[in-house]
Amino acid sequence: MADGQTIHANASEVNEGIGPDPAYVLETEAKRFGLRLTSGKRSPEHNASVGGVPHSHHLTDTARDFAGDADKM
């Protein structure tokens, strides 16, 4: 985190009691920079329809795509 900031999660944002859900943290931090989530977990059918590669990390929910102003990325 920038400037030593800490993210605090409430119970609905905690990943199996071990800390903040990484997806929640990533999406929350992206919003701070004016970015928006454009893609997360995909089904194999959806992945193929958008031109995703066969073994895309989106299929296992380990990838996120964001969009925003170029000067903020």
PDB file of N, CA and C in Angstrom:
ATOM      1  N   MET A   1       0.830  -1.176   0.000  1.00  0.00           N
ATOM      2  CA  MET A   1       0.000   0.000   0.000  1.00  0.00           C
ATOM      3  C   MET A   1       0.885   1.253   0.000  1.00  0.00           C
ATOM      4  N   ALA A   2       0.391   2.251  -0.644  1.00  0.00           N
ATOM      5  CA  ALA A   2       1.114   3.516  -0.673  1.00  0.00           C
ATOM      6  C   ALA A   2       1.057   4.185   0.692  1.00  0.00           C
ATOM      7  N   ASP A   3       2.121   4.845   1.051  1.00  0.00           N
ATOM      8  CA  ASP A   3       2.173   5.627   2.279  1.00  0.00           C
ATOM      9  C   ASP A   3       1.863   4.814   3.537  1.00  0.00           C
ATOM     10  N   GLY A   4       2.140   3.526   3.528  1.00  0.00           N
ATOM     11  CA  GLY A   4       1.938   2.705   4.712  1.00  0.00           C
ATOM     12  C   GLY A   4       0.495   2.552   5.144  1.00  0.00           C
ATOM     13  N   GLN A   5      -0.449   2.732   4.226  1.00  0.00           N
ATOM     14  CA  GLN A   5      -1.864   2.625   4.574  1.00  0.00           C
ATOM     15  C   GLN A   5      -2.236   1.172   4.819  1.00  0.00           C
ATOM     16  N   THR A   6      -3.212   0.972   5.663  1.00  0.00           N
ATOM     17  CA  THR A   6      -3.718  -0.355   5.966  1.00  0.00           C
ATOM     18  C   THR A   6      -5.158  -0.432   5.507  1.00  0.00           C
ATOM     19  N   ILE A   7      -5.510  -1.553   4.919  1.00  0.00           N
ATOM     20  CA  ILE A   7      -6.894  -1.773   4.526  1.00  0.00           C
ATOM     21  C   ILE A   7      -7.546  -2.617   5.601  1.00  0.00           C
ATOM     22  N   HIS A   8      -8.687  -2.171   6.079  1.00  0.00           N
ATOM     23  CA  HIS A   8      -9.432  -2.905   7.097  1.00  0.00           C
ATOM     24  C   HIS A   8     -10.628  -3.567   6.438  1.00  0.00           C
ATOM     25  N   ALA A   9     -10.823  -4.825   6.727  1.00  0.00           N
ATOM     26  CA  ALA A   9     -11.930  -5.566   6.129  1.00  0.00           C
ATOM     27  C   ALA A   9     -12.962  -5.885   7.192  1.00  0.00           C
ATOM     28  N   ASN A  10     -14.226  -5.881   6.789  1.00  0.00           N
ATOM     29  CA  ASN A  10     -15.254  -6.337   7.718  1.00  0.00           C
ATOM     30  C   ASN A  10     -15.462  -7.829   7.490  1.00  0.00           C
ATOM     31  N   ALA A  11     -16.321  -8.451   8.249  1.00  0.00           N
ATOM     32  CA  ALA A  11     -16.477  -9.902   8.202  1.00  0.00           C
ATOM     33  C   ALA A  11     -16.844 -10.414   6.819  1.00  0.00           C
ATOM     34  N   SER A  12     -17.616  -9.659   6.052  1.00  0.00           N
ATOM     35  CA  SER A  12     -18.021 -10.133   4.727  1.00  0.00           C
ATOM     36  C   SER A  12     -16.883 -10.061   3.725  1.00  0.00           C
ATOM     37  N   GLU A  13     -15.802  -9.400   4.068  1.00  0.00           N
ATOM     38  CA  GLU A  13     -14.676  -9.246   3.162  1.00  0.00           C
ATOM     39  C   GLU A  13     -13.472 -10.070   3.592  1.00  0.00           C
ATOM     40  N   VAL A  14     -13.640 -10.926   4.588  1.00  0.00           N
ATOM     41  CA  VAL A  14     -12.526 -11.718   5.091  1.00  0.00           C
ATOM     42  C   VAL A  14     -12.523 -13.076   4.407  1.00  0.00           C
ATOM     43  N   ASN A  15     -11.351 -13.479   3.950  1.00  0.00           N
ATOM     44  CA  ASN A  15     -11.177 -14.717   3.207  1.00  0.00           C
ATOM     45  C   ASN A  15     -10.878 -15.868   4.168  1.00  0.00           C
ATOM     46  N   GLU A  16     -11.885 -16.661   4.476  1.00  0.00           N
ATOM     47  CA  GLU A  16     -11.758 -17.843   5.322  1.00  0.00           C
ATOM     48  C   GLU A  16     -11.039 -17.549   6.645  1.00  0.00           C
ATOM     49  N   GLY A  17     -11.246 -16.393   7.205  1.00  0.00           N
ATOM     50  CA  GLY A  17     -10.686 -16.062   8.507  1.00  0.00           C
ATOM     51  C   GLY A  17      -9.198 -15.807   8.525  1.00  0.00           C
ATOM     52  N   ILE A  18      -8.555 -15.723   7.348  1.00  0.00           N
ATOM     53  CA  ILE A  18      -7.110 -15.517   7.340  1.00  0.00           C
ATOM     54  C   ILE A  18      -6.707 -14.104   6.936  1.00  0.00           C
ATOM     55  N   GLY A  19      -7.675 -13.268   6.654  1.00  0.00           N
ATOM     56  CA  GLY A  19      -7.368 -11.891   6.300  1.00  0.00           C
ATOM     57  C   GLY A  19      -8.273 -11.401   5.193  1.00  0.00           C
ATOM     58  N   PRO A  20      -8.030 -10.188   4.738  1.00  0.00           N
ATOM     59  CA  PRO A  20      -8.877  -9.609   3.688  1.00  0.00           C
ATOM     60  C   PRO A  20      -8.841 -10.448   2.413  1.00  0.00           C
ATOM     61  N   ASP A  21      -9.963 -10.555   1.761  1.00  0.00           N
ATOM     62  CA  ASP A  21     -10.059 -11.256   0.485  1.00  0.00           C
ATOM     63  C   ASP A  21      -9.222 -10.488  -0.537  1.00  0.00           C
ATOM     64  N   PRO A  22      -8.241 -11.134  -1.165  1.00  0.00           N
ATOM     65  CA  PRO A  22      -7.375 -10.417  -2.120  1.00  0.00           C
ATOM     66  C   PRO A  22      -8.142  -9.748  -3.260  1.00  0.00           C
ATOM     67  N   ALA A  23      -9.192 -10.387  -3.748  1.00  0.00           N
ATOM     68  CA  ALA A  23      -9.969  -9.778  -4.838  1.00  0.00           C
ATOM     69  C   ALA A  23     -10.634  -8.494  -4.359  1.00  0.00           C
ATOM     70  N   TYR A  24     -11.159  -8.504  -3.145  1.00  0.00           N
ATOM     71  CA  TYR A  24     -11.788  -7.307  -2.584  1.00  0.00           C
ATOM     72  C   TYR A  24     -10.757  -6.185  -2.448  1.00  0.00           C
ATOM     73  N   VAL A  25      -9.598  -6.516  -1.927  1.00  0.00           N
ATOM     74  CA  VAL A  25      -8.550  -5.509  -1.730  1.00  0.00           C
ATOM     75  C   VAL A  25      -8.133  -4.920  -3.073  1.00  0.00           C
ATOM     76  N   LEU A  26      -7.914  -5.766  -4.064  1.00  0.00           N
ATOM     77  CA  LEU A  26      -7.491  -5.298  -5.377  1.00  0.00           C
ATOM     78  C   LEU A  26      -8.523  -4.368  -6.000  1.00  0.00           C
ATOM     79  N   GLU A  27      -9.769  -4.761  -5.956  1.00  0.00           N
ATOM     80  CA  GLU A  27     -10.825  -3.939  -6.549  1.00  0.00           C
ATOM     81  C   GLU A  27     -11.008  -2.623  -5.794  1.00  0.00           C
ATOM     82  N   THR A  28     -10.909  -2.672  -4.468  1.00  0.00           N
ATOM     83  CA  THR A  28     -11.039  -1.460  -3.659  1.00  0.00           C
ATOM     84  C   THR A  28      -9.903  -0.482  -3.947  1.00  0.00           C
ATOM     85  N   GLU A  29      -8.691  -0.996  -4.012  1.00  0.00           N
ATOM     86  CA  GLU A  29      -7.543  -0.139  -4.291  1.00  0.00           C
ATOM     87  C   GLU A  29      -7.611   0.429  -5.705  1.00  0.00           C
ATOM     88  N   ALA A  30      -8.052  -0.355  -6.662  1.00  0.00           N
ATOM     89  CA  ALA A  30      -8.162   0.132  -8.041  1.00  0.00           C
ATOM     90  C   ALA A  30      -9.117   1.313  -8.120  1.00  0.00           C
ATOM     91  N   LYS A  31     -10.227   1.233  -7.397  1.00  0.00           N
ATOM     92  CA  LYS A  31     -11.207   2.328  -7.402  1.00  0.00           C
ATOM     93  C   LYS A  31     -10.583   3.622  -6.890  1.00  0.00           C
ATOM     94  N   ARG A  32      -9.660   3.517  -5.947  1.00  0.00           N
ATOM     95  CA  ARG A  32      -8.999   4.709  -5.414  1.00  0.00           C
ATOM     96  C   ARG A  32      -8.244   5.452  -6.509  1.00  0.00           C
ATOM     97  N   PHE A  33      -7.823   4.738  -7.539  1.00  0.00           N
ATOM     98  CA  PHE A  33      -7.066   5.334  -8.631  1.00  0.00           C
ATOM     99  C   PHE A  33      -7.927   5.600  -9.858  1.00  0.00           C
ATOM    100  N   GLY A  34      -9.237   5.486  -9.710  1.00  0.00           N
ATOM    101  CA  GLY A  34     -10.146   5.780 -10.802  1.00  0.00           C
ATOM    102  C   GLY A  34     -10.245   4.686 -11.842  1.00  0.00           C
ATOM    103  N   LEU A  35      -9.836   3.470 -11.470  1.00  0.00           N
ATOM    104  CA  LEU A  35      -9.919   2.348 -12.400  1.00  0.00           C
ATOM    105  C   LEU A  35     -11.199   1.571 -12.157  1.00  0.00           C
ATOM    106  N   ARG A  36     -11.670   0.868 -13.191  1.00  0.00           N
ATOM    107  CA  ARG A  36     -12.861   0.040 -13.032  1.00  0.00           C
ATOM    108  C   ARG A  36     -12.551  -1.378 -13.490  1.00  0.00           C
ATOM    109  N   LEU A  37     -13.117  -2.322 -12.803  1.00  0.00           N
ATOM    110  CA  LEU A  37     -12.944  -3.726 -13.138  1.00  0.00           C
ATOM    111  C   LEU A  37     -13.723  -4.020 -14.414  1.00  0.00           C
ATOM    112  N   THR A  38     -13.064  -4.618 -15.405  1.00  0.00           N
ATOM    113  CA  THR A  38     -13.743  -4.955 -16.649  1.00  0.00           C
ATOM    114  C   THR A  38     -13.874  -6.453 -16.853  1.00  0.00           C
ATOM    115  N   SER A  39     -13.086  -7.248 -16.132  1.00  0.00           N
ATOM    116  CA  SER A  39     -13.181  -8.692 -16.271  1.00  0.00           C
ATOM    117  C   SER A  39     -12.587  -9.382 -15.057  1.00  0.00           C
ATOM    118  N   GLY A  40     -13.266 -10.428 -14.619  1.00  0.00           N
ATOM    119  CA  GLY A  40     -12.800 -11.250 -13.508  1.00  0.00           C
ATOM    120  C   GLY A  40     -12.886 -12.707 -13.919  1.00  0.00           C
ATOM    121  N   LYS A  41     -13.523 -13.517 -13.095  1.00  0.00           N
ATOM    122  CA  LYS A  41     -13.660 -14.933 -13.422  1.00  0.00           C
ATOM    123  C   LYS A  41     -14.561 -15.105 -14.643  1.00  0.00           C
ATOM    124  N   ARG A  42     -14.126 -15.998 -15.546  1.00  0.00           N
ATOM    125  CA  ARG A  42     -14.882 -16.266 -16.768  1.00  0.00           C
ATOM    126  C   ARG A  42     -15.186 -17.750 -16.900  1.00  0.00           C
ATOM    127  N   SER A  43     -16.310 -18.046 -17.495  1.00  0.00           N
ATOM    128  CA  SER A  43     -16.597 -19.427 -17.878  1.00  0.00           C
ATOM    129  C   SER A  43     -15.769 -19.730 -19.128  1.00  0.00           C
ATOM    130  N   PRO A  44     -15.523 -21.001 -19.421  1.00  0.00           N
ATOM    131  CA  PRO A  44     -14.788 -21.323 -20.655  1.00  0.00           C
ATOM    132  C   PRO A  44     -15.475 -20.758 -21.904  1.00  0.00           C
ATOM    133  N   GLU A  45     -16.798 -20.780 -21.919  1.00  0.00           N
ATOM    134  CA  GLU A  45     -17.540 -20.257 -23.071  1.00  0.00           C
ATOM    135  C   GLU A  45     -17.338 -18.754 -23.233  1.00  0.00           C
ATOM    136  N   HIS A  46     -17.459 -18.031 -22.126  1.00  0.00           N
ATOM    137  CA  HIS A  46     -17.275 -16.578 -22.190  1.00  0.00           C
ATOM    138  C   HIS A  46     -15.832 -16.242 -22.549  1.00  0.00           C
ATOM    139  N   ASN A  47     -14.896 -16.963 -21.954  1.00  0.00           N
ATOM    140  CA  ASN A  47     -13.491 -16.719 -22.251  1.00  0.00           C
ATOM    141  C   ASN A  47     -13.217 -16.865 -23.747  1.00  0.00           C
ATOM    142  N   ALA A  48     -13.747 -17.922 -24.357  1.00  0.00           N
ATOM    143  CA  ALA A  48     -13.564 -18.131 -25.799  1.00  0.00           C
ATOM    144  C   ALA A  48     -14.224 -17.018 -26.608  1.00  0.00           C
ATOM    145  N   SER A  49     -15.401 -16.575 -26.168  1.00  0.00           N
ATOM    146  CA  SER A  49     -16.136 -15.556 -26.928  1.00  0.00           C
ATOM    147  C   SER A  49     -15.453 -14.196 -26.913  1.00  0.00           C
ATOM    148  N   VAL A  50     -14.626 -13.925 -25.890  1.00  0.00           N
ATOM    149  CA  VAL A  50     -13.918 -12.640 -25.834  1.00  0.00           C
ATOM    150  C   VAL A  50     -12.475 -12.755 -26.310  1.00  0.00           C
ATOM    151  N   GLY A  51     -12.124 -13.927 -26.855  1.00  0.00           N
ATOM    152  CA  GLY A  51     -10.779 -14.107 -27.402  1.00  0.00           C
ATOM    153  C   GLY A  51      -9.730 -14.461 -26.377  1.00  0.00           C
ATOM    154  N   GLY A  52     -10.157 -14.954 -25.203  1.00  0.00           N
ATOM    155  CA  GLY A  52      -9.202 -15.348 -24.172  1.00  0.00           C
ATOM    156  C   GLY A  52      -8.440 -16.602 -24.562  1.00  0.00           C
ATOM    157  N   VAL A  53      -7.232 -16.740 -24.045  1.00  0.00           N
ATOM    158  CA  VAL A  53      -6.425 -17.916 -24.347  1.00  0.00           C
ATOM    159  C   VAL A  53      -6.991 -19.136 -23.607  1.00  0.00           C
ATOM    160  N   PRO A  54      -6.774 -20.339 -24.128  1.00  0.00           N
ATOM    161  CA  PRO A  54      -7.383 -21.537 -23.531  1.00  0.00           C
ATOM    162  C   PRO A  54      -7.072 -21.769 -22.045  1.00  0.00           C
ATOM    163  N   HIS A  55      -5.900 -21.393 -21.600  1.00  0.00           N
ATOM    164  CA  HIS A  55      -5.547 -21.620 -20.189  1.00  0.00           C
ATOM    165  C   HIS A  55      -5.459 -20.294 -19.420  1.00  0.00           C
ATOM    166  N   SER A  56      -6.349 -19.378 -19.749  1.00  0.00           N
ATOM    167  CA  SER A  56      -6.379 -18.058 -19.122  1.00  0.00           C
ATOM    168  C   SER A  56      -6.536 -18.158 -17.607  1.00  0.00           C
ATOM    169  N   HIS A  57      -5.861 -17.290 -16.903  1.00  0.00           N
ATOM    170  CA  HIS A  57      -6.022 -17.218 -15.447  1.00  0.00           C
ATOM    171  C   HIS A  57      -7.428 -16.761 -15.060  1.00  0.00           C
ATOM    172  N   HIS A  58      -8.155 -16.166 -15.996  1.00  0.00           N
ATOM    173  CA  HIS A  58      -9.542 -15.784 -15.715  1.00  0.00           C
ATOM    174  C   HIS A  58     -10.401 -17.019 -15.432  1.00  0.00           C
ATOM    175  N   LEU A  59     -10.036 -18.155 -16.001  1.00  0.00           N
ATOM    176  CA  LEU A  59     -10.822 -19.383 -15.803  1.00  0.00           C
ATOM    177  C   LEU A  59     -10.732 -19.897 -14.373  1.00  0.00           C
ATOM    178  N   THR A  60      -9.655 -19.572 -13.690  1.00  0.00           N
ATOM    179  CA  THR A  60      -9.473 -20.016 -12.301  1.00  0.00           C
ATOM    180  C   THR A  60      -9.638 -18.873 -11.307  1.00  0.00           C
ATOM    181  N   ASP A  61     -10.181 -17.758 -11.776  1.00  0.00           N
ATOM    182  CA  ASP A  61     -10.446 -16.594 -10.929  1.00  0.00           C
ATOM    183  C   ASP A  61      -9.174 -16.007 -10.319  1.00  0.00           C
ATOM    184  N   THR A  62      -8.074 -16.081 -11.054  1.00  0.00           N
ATOM    185  CA  THR A  62      -6.816 -15.511 -10.572  1.00  0.00           C
ATOM    186  C   THR A  62      -6.321 -14.375 -11.456  1.00  0.00           C
ATOM    187  N   ALA A  63      -7.228 -13.780 -12.232  1.00  0.00           N
ATOM    188  CA  ALA A  63      -6.871 -12.633 -13.073  1.00  0.00           C
ATOM    189  C   ALA A  63      -7.975 -11.593 -13.013  1.00  0.00           C
ATOM    190  N   ARG A  64      -7.588 -10.347 -13.138  1.00  0.00           N
ATOM    191  CA  ARG A  64      -8.524  -9.229 -13.207  1.00  0.00           C
ATOM    192  C   ARG A  64      -8.035  -8.284 -14.288  1.00  0.00           C
ATOM    193  N   ASP A  65      -8.954  -7.731 -15.054  1.00  0.00           N
ATOM    194  CA  ASP A  65      -8.636  -6.688 -16.027  1.00  0.00           C
ATOM    195  C   ASP A  65      -9.286  -5.400 -15.549  1.00  0.00           C
ATOM    196  N   PHE A  66      -8.550  -4.314 -15.693  1.00  0.00           N
ATOM    197  CA  PHE A  66      -9.043  -3.005 -15.294  1.00  0.00           C
ATOM    198  C   PHE A  66      -8.924  -2.041 -16.458  1.00  0.00           C
ATOM    199  N   ALA A  67      -9.745  -1.019 -16.452  1.00  0.00           N
ATOM    200  CA  ALA A  67      -9.682   0.043 -17.451  1.00  0.00           C
ATOM    201  C   ALA A  67      -9.776   1.375 -16.731  1.00  0.00           C
ATOM    202  N   GLY A  68      -9.236   2.389 -17.370  1.00  0.00           N
ATOM    203  CA  GLY A  68      -9.277   3.723 -16.805  1.00  0.00           C
ATOM    204  C   GLY A  68      -8.451   4.656 -17.662  1.00  0.00           C
ATOM    205  N   ASP A  69      -8.276   5.863 -17.180  1.00  0.00           N
ATOM    206  CA  ASP A  69      -7.480   6.848 -17.899  1.00  0.00           C
ATOM    207  C   ASP A  69      -6.026   6.396 -17.958  1.00  0.00           C
ATOM    208  N   ALA A  70      -5.416   6.556 -19.117  1.00  0.00           N
ATOM    209  CA  ALA A  70      -4.031   6.116 -19.321  1.00  0.00           C
ATOM    210  C   ALA A  70      -3.068   6.757 -18.319  1.00  0.00           C
ATOM    211  N   ASP A  71      -3.312   7.992 -17.932  1.00  0.00           N
ATOM    212  CA  ASP A  71      -2.407   8.659 -17.006  1.00  0.00           C
ATOM    213  C   ASP A  71      -2.521   8.125 -15.577  1.00  0.00           C
ATOM    214  N   LYS A  72      -3.512   7.285 -15.305  1.00  0.00           N
ATOM    215  CA  LYS A  72      -3.680   6.719 -13.971  1.00  0.00           C
ATOM    216  C   LYS A  72      -3.241   5.252 -13.910  1.00  0.00           C
ATOM    217  N   MET A  73      -2.867   4.711 -15.055  1.00  0.00           N
ATOM    218  CA  MET A  73      -2.523   3.285 -15.097  1.00  0.00           C
ATOM    219  C   MET A  73      -1.035   3.064 -15.073  1.00  0.00           C
TER     220      MET A  73
END
